[in-house]
C-alpha atoms as a PDB file:
ATOM      1  CA  MET A   1     -55.476 -16.004   5.657  1.00  0.00           C
ATOM      2  CA  THR A   2     -57.043 -16.348   9.138  1.00  0.00           C
ATOM      3  CA  PRO A   3     -54.930 -17.169  12.086  1.00  0.00           C
ATOM      4  CA  LYS A   4     -56.672 -20.632  12.368  1.00  0.00           C
ATOM      5  CA  THR A   5     -55.891 -21.390   8.705  1.00  0.00           C
ATOM      6  CA  VAL A   6     -52.328 -20.308   9.232  1.00  0.00           C
ATOM      7  CA  ARG A   7     -52.013 -22.652  12.240  1.00  0.00           C
ATOM      8  CA  LYS A   8     -53.533 -25.535  10.419  1.00  0.00           C
ATOM      9  CA  THR A   9     -51.223 -25.059   7.472  1.00  0.00           C
ATOM     10  CA  ALA A  10     -48.052 -24.764   9.693  1.00  0.00           C
ATOM     11  CA  PHE A  11     -49.058 -27.896  11.556  1.00  0.00           C
ATOM     12  CA  ARG A  12     -49.786 -29.799   8.415  1.00  0.00           C
ATOM     13  CA  LYS A  13     -46.220 -28.809   6.958  1.00  0.00           C
ATOM     14  CA  SER A  14     -44.561 -29.644  10.303  1.00  0.00           C
ATOM     15  CA  ILE A  15     -45.715 -33.200  10.523  1.00  0.00           C
ATOM     16  CA  PRO A  16     -42.863 -34.778   8.363  1.00  0.00           C
ATOM     17  CA  ILE A  17     -40.280 -32.839  10.453  1.00  0.00           C
ATOM     18  CA  MET A  18     -41.825 -34.091  13.644  1.00  0.00           C
ATOM     19  CA  CYS A  19     -41.781 -37.642  12.501  1.00  0.00           C
ATOM     20  CA  SER A  20     -38.120 -37.301  11.353  1.00  0.00           C
ATOM     21  CA  TYR A  21     -37.211 -35.888  14.935  1.00  0.00           C
ATOM     22  CA  LEU A  22     -38.742 -38.904  16.425  1.00  0.00           C
ATOM     23  CA  PHE A  23     -36.692 -41.356  14.527  1.00  0.00           C
ATOM     24  CA  VAL A  24     -33.494 -39.323  14.919  1.00  0.00           C
ATOM     25  CA  ALA A  25     -33.999 -39.038  18.615  1.00  0.00           C
ATOM     26  CA  MET A  26     -34.433 -42.813  18.861  1.00  0.00           C
ATOM     27  CA  ALA A  27     -31.261 -43.404  16.917  1.00  0.00           C
ATOM     28  CA  TYR A  28     -29.388 -40.970  19.049  1.00  0.00           C
ATOM     29  CA  GLY A  29     -30.640 -42.512  22.293  1.00  0.00           C
ATOM     30  CA  MET A  30     -29.511 -45.965  21.162  1.00  0.00           C
ATOM     31  CA  MET A  31     -25.987 -44.654  20.033  1.00  0.00           C
ATOM     32  CA  MET A  32     -25.594 -42.987  23.336  1.00  0.00           C
ATOM     33  CA  GLN A  33     -26.528 -46.202  25.225  1.00  0.00           C
ATOM     34  CA  GLU A  34     -24.320 -48.186  23.100  1.00  0.00           C
ATOM     35  CA  ALA A  35     -21.485 -45.822  23.812  1.00  0.00           C
ATOM     36  CA  GLY A  36     -22.005 -46.515  27.516  1.00  0.00           C
ATOM     37  CA  PHE A  37     -23.826 -43.271  28.541  1.00  0.00           C
ATOM     38  CA  ALA A  38     -26.820 -43.323  30.822  1.00  0.00           C
ATOM     39  CA  TRP A  39     -30.339 -42.283  29.576  1.00  0.00           C
ATOM     40  CA  TYR A  40     -30.181 -39.059  31.542  1.00  0.00           C
ATOM     41  CA  ASP A  41     -26.899 -38.088  29.704  1.00  0.00           C
ATOM     42  CA  SER A  42     -28.946 -38.266  26.429  1.00  0.00           C
ATOM     43  CA  LEU A  43     -31.792 -36.411  27.852  1.00  0.00           C
ATOM     44  CA  LEU A  44     -29.416 -33.583  29.148  1.00  0.00           C
ATOM     45  CA  ALA A  45     -27.573 -33.444  25.722  1.00  0.00           C
ATOM     46  CA  SER A  46     -30.895 -33.199  23.943  1.00  0.00           C
ATOM     47  CA  LEU A  47     -32.083 -30.392  26.133  1.00  0.00           C
ATOM     48  CA  THR A  48     -28.896 -28.271  25.891  1.00  0.00           C
ATOM     49  CA  ILE A  49     -27.499 -28.881  22.440  1.00  0.00           C
ATOM     50  CA  TYR A  50     -29.034 -26.879  19.738  1.00  0.00           C
ATOM     51  CA  THR A  51     -27.767 -28.660  16.628  1.00  0.00           C
ATOM     52  CA  GLY A  52     -28.908 -32.153  16.438  1.00  0.00           C
ATOM     53  CA  ALA A  53     -26.025 -33.182  14.221  1.00  0.00           C
ATOM     54  CA  PHE A  54     -23.603 -32.055  16.962  1.00  0.00           C
ATOM     55  CA  GLN A  55     -25.200 -34.451  19.289  1.00  0.00           C
ATOM     56  CA  PHE A  56     -23.969 -37.357  17.161  1.00  0.00           C
ATOM     57  CA  VAL A  57     -20.485 -35.769  16.894  1.00  0.00           C
ATOM     58  CA  LEU A  58     -20.387 -35.329  20.666  1.00  0.00           C
ATOM     59  CA  ILE A  59     -20.819 -39.020  21.233  1.00  0.00           C
ATOM     60  CA  ARG A  60     -17.497 -39.556  19.388  1.00  0.00           C
ATOM     61  CA  PHE A  61     -15.857 -36.711  20.982  1.00  0.00           C
ATOM     62  CA  LEU A  62     -16.800 -37.889  24.541  1.00  0.00           C
ATOM     63  CA  SER A  63     -15.828 -41.489  23.883  1.00  0.00           C
ATOM     64  CA  SER A  64     -12.426 -40.462  22.528  1.00  0.00           C
ATOM     65  CA  GLY A  65     -11.627 -37.892  25.264  1.00  0.00           C
ATOM     66  CA  ALA A  66     -11.401 -34.993  23.032  1.00  0.00           C
ATOM     67  CA  SER A  67     -10.466 -31.607  24.391  1.00  0.00           C
ATOM     68  CA  VAL A  68     -13.021 -29.018  25.600  1.00  0.00           C
ATOM     69  CA  LEU A  69     -11.547 -26.668  23.051  1.00  0.00           C
ATOM     70  CA  THR A  70     -11.980 -29.019  20.206  1.00  0.00           C
ATOM     71  CA  ILE A  71     -15.627 -29.591  21.381  1.00  0.00           C
ATOM     72  CA  ALA A  72     -16.349 -25.940  21.751  1.00  0.00           C
ATOM     73  CA  VAL A  73     -14.926 -24.840  18.367  1.00  0.00           C
ATOM     74  CA  THR A  74     -16.853 -27.705  16.474  1.00  0.00           C
ATOM     75  CA  ALA A  75     -19.980 -26.882  18.315  1.00  0.00           C
ATOM     76  CA  LEU A  76     -19.583 -23.147  17.244  1.00  0.00           C
ATOM     77  CA  LEU A  77     -18.954 -23.906  13.761  1.00  0.00           C
ATOM     78  CA  MET A  78     -21.659 -26.396  13.365  1.00  0.00           C
ATOM     79  CA  ASN A  79     -24.084 -23.925  15.002  1.00  0.00           C
ATOM     80  CA  SER A  80     -23.059 -21.010  12.932  1.00  0.00           C
ATOM     81  CA  ARG A  81     -24.687 -22.367   9.708  1.00  0.00           C
ATOM     82  CA  GLN A  82     -28.111 -21.322  10.844  1.00  0.00           C
ATOM     83  CA  ALA A  83     -26.939 -17.730  10.681  1.00  0.00           C
ATOM     84  CA  PHE A  84     -26.159 -18.110   7.062  1.00  0.00           C
ATOM     85  CA  TYR A  85     -29.645 -19.664   6.351  1.00  0.00           C
ATOM     86  CA  SER A  86     -31.055 -16.442   7.738  1.00  0.00           C
ATOM     87  CA  LEU A  87     -29.329 -14.133   5.384  1.00  0.00           C
ATOM     88  CA  SER A  88     -31.803 -15.093   2.583  1.00  0.00           C
ATOM     89  CA  PHE A  89     -34.643 -13.837   4.956  1.00  0.00           C
ATOM     90  CA  VAL A  90     -33.077 -10.663   6.554  1.00  0.00           C
ATOM     91  CA  ASP A  91     -35.629  -8.343   4.678  1.00  0.00           C
ATOM     92  CA  GLU A  92     -38.570 -10.408   5.782  1.00  0.00           C
ATOM     93  CA  PHE A  93     -37.138 -10.642   9.238  1.00  0.00           C
ATOM     94  CA  LYS A  94     -36.454  -6.720   9.569  1.00  0.00           C
ATOM     95  CA  LYS A  95     -40.178  -6.211   9.221  1.00  0.00           C
ATOM     96  CA  MET A  96     -40.766  -8.144  12.368  1.00  0.00           C
ATOM     97  CA  GLY A  97     -38.995  -5.432  14.563  1.00  0.00           C
ATOM     98  CA  ARG A  98     -37.697  -6.804  17.889  1.00  0.00           C
ATOM     99  CA  LYS A  99     -38.296 -10.348  16.828  1.00  0.00           C
ATOM    100  CA  MET A 100     -35.585 -10.160  14.257  1.00  0.00           C
ATOM    101  CA  PRO A 101     -32.859 -11.694  16.450  1.00  0.00           C
ATOM    102  CA  TYR A 102     -35.141 -14.525  17.593  1.00  0.00           C
ATOM    103  CA  MET A 103     -36.142 -15.298  13.836  1.00  0.00           C
ATOM    104  CA  ILE A 104     -32.419 -15.391  12.904  1.00  0.00           C
ATOM    105  CA  HIS A 105     -31.585 -17.675  15.911  1.00  0.00           C
ATOM    106  CA  THR A 106     -34.366 -20.121  15.320  1.00  0.00           C
ATOM    107  CA  MET A 107     -33.721 -20.568  11.575  1.00  0.00           C
ATOM    108  CA  THR A 108     -32.866 -24.376  11.603  1.00  0.00           C
ATOM    109  CA  ASP A 109     -32.375 -26.696   8.716  1.00  0.00           C
ATOM    110  CA  GLU A 110     -35.947 -27.817   9.095  1.00  0.00           C
ATOM    111  CA  THR A 111     -37.512 -24.411   9.263  1.00  0.00           C
ATOM    112  CA  TYR A 112     -35.463 -23.196   6.319  1.00  0.00           C
ATOM    113  CA  ALA A 113     -36.718 -26.097   4.154  1.00  0.00           C
ATOM    114  CA  VAL A 114     -40.226 -25.458   5.075  1.00  0.00           C
ATOM    115  CA  LYS A 115     -39.834 -21.689   4.490  1.00  0.00           C
ATOM    116  CA  THR A 116     -38.058 -22.159   1.087  1.00  0.00           C
ATOM    117  CA  VAL A 117     -40.246 -24.865  -0.276  1.00  0.00           C
ATOM    118  CA  ARG A 118     -43.682 -23.599  -1.118  1.00  0.00           C
END
């Protein structure tokens, strides 16, 4: 496959994921606003939190006054699942050399789904 064909295929496969991100982002923003947070709090959380599901959990934690330790441990556990997704692609990632750690880190729910469904 040519690089142009690969990009077109990747873009076509990513359209449903992009659409789902749009609606999840709108729902998250509405929930943050309803919980009393400003729009820039939502933006900051979206830019700094890797796991989208944790953003929704964080709303409840911040609203209820959860401890920093509780928030940190929950974030660590929720983010660790991506490492387990990567286990099924270790052989493929090893062939990428220095890119391997990056590939493991960026294996999200959505990229795993696209990669495993052919």
